Amino acid sequence: MDTQTIAGLSARRNEDIALDLMKFVAGTTGVGKAGAASAGFSGTMAAKPEEYVSQLLELYGRCLKAVAGQ
């Protein structure tokens, strides 16, 4: 492999980093799940799957902004 290919494999896009951050925060706080809170955080329970998806999309948007430094 040349150096350009190796550098391309190790570089991560902001979207990928934001997705990992969203997974961590959602898993830690229990966003959308009842009784899944831990470490002093409390997530809100989503009544419908659509609400759960909306919460995750909102969280992803916030994570993307945080990664981009906005």
C-alpha atoms as a PDB file:
ATOM      1  CA  MET A   1       0.000   0.000   0.000  1.00  0.00           C
ATOM      2  CA  ASP A   2       1.209   3.475  -0.700  1.00  0.00           C
ATOM      3  CA  THR A   3       1.165   6.210   1.939  1.00  0.00           C
ATOM      4  CA  GLN A   4      -1.877   7.956   0.466  1.00  0.00           C
ATOM      5  CA  THR A   5      -3.980   4.784   0.794  1.00  0.00           C
ATOM      6  CA  ILE A   6      -2.786   4.193   4.359  1.00  0.00           C
ATOM      7  CA  ALA A   7      -3.574   7.797   5.311  1.00  0.00           C
ATOM      8  CA  GLY A   8      -7.038   7.462   3.755  1.00  0.00           C
ATOM      9  CA  LEU A   9      -7.808   4.365   5.794  1.00  0.00           C
ATOM     10  CA  SER A  10      -6.959   6.010   9.096  1.00  0.00           C
ATOM     11  CA  ALA A  11      -8.822   9.272   8.471  1.00  0.00           C
ATOM     12  CA  ARG A  12     -12.343   9.484   9.853  1.00  0.00           C
ATOM     13  CA  ARG A  13     -15.063  11.789   8.705  1.00  0.00           C
ATOM     14  CA  ASN A  14     -16.970  14.000  11.130  1.00  0.00           C
ATOM     15  CA  GLU A  15     -20.126  12.006  10.367  1.00  0.00           C
ATOM     16  CA  ASP A  16     -18.480   8.767  11.522  1.00  0.00           C
ATOM     17  CA  ILE A  17     -17.189  10.349  14.711  1.00  0.00           C
ATOM     18  CA  ALA A  18     -20.601  11.902  15.430  1.00  0.00           C
ATOM     19  CA  LEU A  19     -22.264   8.516  14.921  1.00  0.00           C
ATOM     20  CA  ASP A  20     -19.920   6.864  17.422  1.00  0.00           C
ATOM     21  CA  LEU A  21     -20.533   9.689  19.877  1.00  0.00           C
ATOM     22  CA  MET A  22     -24.303   9.347  19.423  1.00  0.00           C
ATOM     23  CA  LYS A  23     -24.122   5.596  20.089  1.00  0.00           C
ATOM     24  CA  PHE A  24     -22.118   6.206  23.249  1.00  0.00           C
ATOM     25  CA  VAL A  25     -24.421   8.924  24.580  1.00  0.00           C
ATOM     26  CA  ALA A  26     -27.603   7.016  23.697  1.00  0.00           C
ATOM     27  CA  GLY A  27     -26.295   3.841  25.296  1.00  0.00           C
ATOM     28  CA  THR A  28     -25.059   5.626  28.404  1.00  0.00           C
ATOM     29  CA  THR A  29     -28.136   7.742  28.986  1.00  0.00           C
ATOM     30  CA  GLY A  30     -30.737   5.246  27.781  1.00  0.00           C
ATOM     31  CA  VAL A  31     -32.306   7.682  25.332  1.00  0.00           C
ATOM     32  CA  GLY A  32     -35.703   6.329  24.328  1.00  0.00           C
ATOM     33  CA  LYS A  33     -35.572   3.317  26.618  1.00  0.00           C
ATOM     34  CA  ALA A  34     -37.339   2.913  29.956  1.00  0.00           C
ATOM     35  CA  GLY A  35     -35.235   1.848  32.890  1.00  0.00           C
ATOM     36  CA  ALA A  36     -31.935   1.837  31.008  1.00  0.00           C
ATOM     37  CA  ALA A  37     -30.452   4.868  32.752  1.00  0.00           C
ATOM     38  CA  SER A  38     -27.049   4.535  34.336  1.00  0.00           C
ATOM     39  CA  ALA A  39     -24.322   6.642  35.907  1.00  0.00           C
ATOM     40  CA  GLY A  40     -26.792   9.235  37.145  1.00  0.00           C
ATOM     41  CA  PHE A  41     -28.184  10.061  33.735  1.00  0.00           C
ATOM     42  CA  SER A  42     -31.822   9.617  32.895  1.00  0.00           C
ATOM     43  CA  GLY A  43     -33.071   9.293  29.365  1.00  0.00           C
ATOM     44  CA  THR A  44     -36.627   9.988  28.328  1.00  0.00           C
ATOM     45  CA  MET A  45     -38.818   7.109  27.322  1.00  0.00           C
ATOM     46  CA  ALA A  46     -40.114   7.124  23.766  1.00  0.00           C
ATOM     47  CA  ALA A  47     -43.728   6.019  23.524  1.00  0.00           C
ATOM     48  CA  LYS A  48     -43.633   5.198  19.799  1.00  0.00           C
ATOM     49  CA  PRO A  49     -40.898   4.016  17.453  1.00  0.00           C
ATOM     50  CA  GLU A  50     -41.244   7.268  15.496  1.00  0.00           C
ATOM     51  CA  GLU A  51     -40.487   9.261  18.648  1.00  0.00           C
ATOM     52  CA  TYR A  52     -37.471   7.073  19.355  1.00  0.00           C
ATOM     53  CA  VAL A  53     -36.142   7.700  15.848  1.00  0.00           C
ATOM     54  CA  SER A  54     -36.764  11.435  16.217  1.00  0.00           C
ATOM     55  CA  GLN A  55     -34.814  11.481  19.486  1.00  0.00           C
ATOM     56  CA  LEU A  56     -31.900   9.635  17.901  1.00  0.00           C
ATOM     57  CA  LEU A  57     -31.857  11.932  14.863  1.00  0.00           C
ATOM     58  CA  GLU A  58     -31.905  15.007  17.096  1.00  0.00           C
ATOM     59  CA  LEU A  59     -29.089  13.546  19.185  1.00  0.00           C
ATOM     60  CA  TYR A  60     -27.074  12.765  16.035  1.00  0.00           C
ATOM     61  CA  GLY A  61     -27.503  16.356  14.844  1.00  0.00           C
ATOM     62  CA  ARG A  62     -26.270  17.666  18.183  1.00  0.00           C
ATOM     63  CA  CYS A  63     -23.287  15.297  18.107  1.00  0.00           C
ATOM     64  CA  LEU A  64     -22.426  16.340  14.544  1.00  0.00           C
ATOM     65  CA  LYS A  65     -22.461  19.999  15.559  1.00  0.00           C
ATOM     66  CA  ALA A  66     -20.254  19.228  18.555  1.00  0.00           C
ATOM     67  CA  VAL A  67     -17.732  17.339  16.416  1.00  0.00           C
ATOM     68  CA  ALA A  68     -17.701  20.153  13.841  1.00  0.00           C
ATOM     69  CA  GLY A  69     -17.046  22.649  16.637  1.00  0.00           C
ATOM     70  CA  GLN A  70     -20.228  24.667  16.172  1.00  0.00           C
END
